[in-house]
Amino acid sequence: MEWSSVPLQAEFGIEEKEFAAGGFRKAFKATSITEGFNKGTWVVKSYLESAVQLIKDTRQTTEEHTRKSLKETIVKDKLDEYGDSFEYKSVYMGKTEDGELLTVEEFIPGDFAKFRNNNGIVCEEDTMLCKKAQVFSHFTYEKSEGKVMVLDIQRSGYTL
């Protein structure tokens, strides 16, 4: 994974009420007038106060945790050989004027199903897509030489 060292400034109009929440963050729909972000709906996720404290208790900064939570896009080789595969959307790490760290990602419509939770427990039935999600988790562990493992894998259709 590569991090851009060039800061990018973007402005988002964020809805007041979140449309979803998890164990660590709440999600808000947003739109933007900034070039490159002005087509479609985005999701801006901010940390719950309880999560910030938990992150501090594990001797991490919220920036370290935010970087870990971003999804890595992989190169799709031999796609025909392995059948249908996942689609990955771009995810950005952002910082508000107040210094709060956020993630910004494209909004994906539809009902979400979870393949694996944060503890690595398989959540969905034994399907080919579920098996591919498990292989992806293993791939991230091997590719990072044991430093990272993507576990919280959720989808709507084939989009993660």
Protein backbone atom coordinates (compact mmCIF):
# COMPACT_ATOMS: atom_id res chain seq x y z
CA MET A 1 0.00 0.00 0.00
CA GLU A 2 1.25 3.48 -0.81
CA TRP A 3 0.38 6.69 1.03
CA SER A 4 0.30 9.94 -0.85
CA SER A 5 2.55 12.61 0.59
CA VAL A 6 0.69 15.28 -1.36
CA PRO A 7 -2.16 16.75 0.69
CA LEU A 8 -5.48 17.04 -1.09
CA GLN A 9 -8.07 19.52 0.10
CA ALA A 10 -11.72 18.64 -0.47
CA GLU A 11 -14.93 20.13 0.89
CA PHE A 12 -17.89 17.93 1.82
CA GLY A 13 -21.45 18.70 2.82
CA ILE A 14 -22.15 16.11 5.50
CA GLU A 15 -25.64 15.11 6.64
CA GLU A 16 -26.29 15.83 10.33
CA LYS A 17 -27.66 12.41 11.23
CA GLU A 18 -25.64 9.27 10.72
CA PHE A 19 -27.20 6.50 8.65
CA ALA A 20 -25.15 3.69 10.22
CA ALA A 21 -22.83 2.99 13.13
CA GLY A 22 -20.46 0.22 14.10
CA GLY A 23 -18.30 -0.61 17.08
CA PHE A 24 -15.75 2.09 16.28
CA ARG A 25 -17.26 4.67 13.95
CA LYS A 26 -20.47 6.25 12.77
CA ALA A 27 -21.19 6.85 9.08
CA PHE A 28 -22.69 9.94 7.46
CA LYS A 29 -23.69 10.47 3.83
CA ALA A 30 -21.95 13.40 2.14
CA THR A 31 -21.63 15.19 -1.19
CA SER A 32 -18.90 17.43 -2.52
CA ILE A 33 -18.40 20.24 -5.00
CA THR A 34 -14.64 19.58 -5.13
CA GLU A 35 -13.38 18.38 -8.53
CA GLY A 36 -12.83 14.63 -8.44
CA PHE A 37 -15.31 14.15 -5.59
CA ASN A 38 -18.33 15.92 -7.10
CA LYS A 39 -19.98 12.91 -8.73
CA GLY A 40 -22.10 10.76 -6.47
CA THR A 41 -22.53 10.25 -2.77
CA TRP A 42 -19.74 9.63 -0.28
CA VAL A 43 -19.59 8.19 3.21
CA VAL A 44 -17.69 10.06 5.91
CA LYS A 45 -16.90 7.99 9.00
CA SER A 46 -15.90 9.48 12.33
CA TYR A 47 -14.76 7.76 15.50
CA LEU A 48 -17.02 7.28 18.50
CA GLU A 49 -15.58 8.83 21.66
CA SER A 50 -15.48 5.39 23.29
CA ALA A 51 -13.46 4.06 20.36
CA VAL A 52 -10.91 6.87 20.61
CA GLN A 53 -10.31 5.91 24.24
CA LEU A 54 -10.03 2.22 23.35
CA ILE A 55 -7.49 3.05 20.63
CA LYS A 56 -5.45 5.09 23.13
CA ASP A 57 -5.62 2.18 25.61
CA THR A 58 -3.96 -0.05 22.99
CA ARG A 59 -1.11 2.49 22.68
CA GLN A 60 -2.06 3.54 19.17
CA THR A 61 -2.87 6.92 17.77
CA THR A 62 -6.10 7.47 15.90
CA GLU A 63 -3.98 8.13 12.81
CA GLU A 64 -2.34 4.70 13.09
CA HIS A 65 -5.73 3.06 13.58
CA THR A 66 -7.26 5.00 10.67
CA ARG A 67 -4.47 3.91 8.34
CA LYS A 68 -5.01 0.29 9.38
CA SER A 69 -8.73 0.54 8.70
CA LEU A 70 -8.29 1.66 5.11
CA LYS A 71 -8.76 -1.09 2.59
CA GLU A 72 -5.97 -2.07 0.22
CA THR A 73 -6.80 -2.39 -3.47
CA ILE A 74 -5.27 -5.45 -5.06
CA VAL A 75 -4.37 -6.11 -8.67
CA LYS A 76 -6.76 -8.56 -10.27
CA ASP A 77 -4.77 -11.09 -12.32
CA LYS A 78 -6.37 -13.95 -14.23
CA LEU A 79 -9.90 -12.79 -13.33
CA ASP A 80 -11.51 -15.12 -15.87
CA GLU A 81 -9.79 -18.13 -14.32
CA TYR A 82 -11.27 -17.46 -10.87
CA GLY A 83 -14.75 -16.27 -11.83
CA ASP A 84 -16.58 -13.30 -10.37
CA SER A 85 -14.55 -11.20 -8.01
CA PHE A 86 -14.96 -8.21 -5.74
CA GLU A 87 -14.89 -4.56 -6.64
CA TYR A 88 -13.05 -2.17 -4.34
CA LYS A 89 -13.90 1.49 -3.99
CA SER A 90 -11.42 4.25 -3.17
CA VAL A 91 -11.05 5.17 0.48
CA TYR A 92 -9.35 8.32 1.73
CA MET A 93 -8.06 9.37 5.11
CA GLY A 94 -9.07 12.91 5.97
CA LYS A 95 -8.65 15.45 8.71
CA THR A 96 -11.13 18.17 9.63
CA GLU A 97 -10.08 21.75 10.36
CA ASP A 98 -10.36 20.77 14.05
CA GLY A 99 -7.89 17.90 13.55
CA GLU A 100 -10.44 15.05 13.77
CA LEU A 101 -9.41 12.07 11.63
CA LEU A 102 -12.02 10.68 9.24
CA THR A 103 -12.29 8.22 6.42
CA VAL A 104 -14.07 9.20 3.21
CA GLU A 105 -15.28 6.56 0.78
CA GLU A 106 -17.75 6.19 -2.05
CA PHE A 107 -21.31 5.40 -0.95
CA ILE A 108 -22.39 1.88 -1.93
CA PRO A 109 -26.16 1.40 -2.12
CA GLY A 110 -27.90 -1.81 -1.09
CA ASP A 111 -28.08 -4.18 1.84
CA PHE A 112 -24.78 -5.14 3.41
CA ALA A 113 -23.72 -8.61 4.46
CA LYS A 114 -20.66 -9.35 6.55
CA PHE A 115 -18.22 -12.05 5.45
CA ARG A 116 -15.90 -11.72 8.46
CA ASN A 117 -16.03 -9.62 11.59
CA ASN A 118 -13.22 -7.77 13.38
CA ASN A 119 -12.27 -10.97 15.24
CA GLY A 120 -11.92 -12.98 12.04
CA ILE A 121 -15.06 -15.02 12.62
CA VAL A 122 -16.77 -16.07 9.37
CA CYS A 123 -20.29 -14.57 9.34
CA GLU A 124 -21.82 -15.58 6.01
CA GLU A 125 -22.84 -18.97 4.69
CA ASP A 126 -20.34 -21.17 2.90
CA THR A 127 -20.48 -19.66 -0.60
CA MET A 128 -17.80 -19.09 -3.22
CA LEU A 129 -17.83 -15.37 -2.41
CA CYS A 130 -17.36 -16.12 1.28
CA LYS A 131 -14.40 -18.36 0.45
CA LYS A 132 -12.91 -15.60 -1.70
CA ALA A 133 -13.25 -13.17 1.23
CA GLN A 134 -11.37 -15.62 3.44
CA VAL A 135 -8.66 -15.99 0.81
CA PHE A 136 -8.42 -12.19 0.61
CA SER A 137 -7.86 -12.01 4.39
CA HIS A 138 -5.10 -14.58 4.11
CA PHE A 139 -3.59 -12.76 1.12
CA THR A 140 -3.35 -9.48 3.06
CA TYR A 141 -1.55 -11.28 5.89
CA GLU A 142 0.92 -13.00 3.55
CA LYS A 143 1.48 -9.94 1.30
CA SER A 144 2.26 -7.74 4.34
CA GLU A 145 4.62 -10.39 5.77
CA GLY A 146 2.39 -10.82 8.81
CA LYS A 147 2.03 -7.11 9.63
CA VAL A 148 -1.60 -6.61 8.52
CA MET A 149 -4.67 -8.79 8.11
CA VAL A 150 -7.91 -7.41 6.70
CA LEU A 151 -10.76 -8.93 8.70
CA ASP A 152 -13.86 -6.74 8.79
CA ILE A 153 -15.07 -7.58 5.29
CA GLN A 154 -18.55 -6.35 4.35
CA ARG A 155 -20.25 -6.26 0.99
CA SER A 156 -23.20 -5.21 -1.06
CA GLY A 157 -23.31 -7.46 -4.09
CA TYR A 158 -19.70 -7.80 -5.26
CA THR A 159 -18.66 -4.40 -3.91
CA LEU A 160 -16.60 -4.29 -0.71
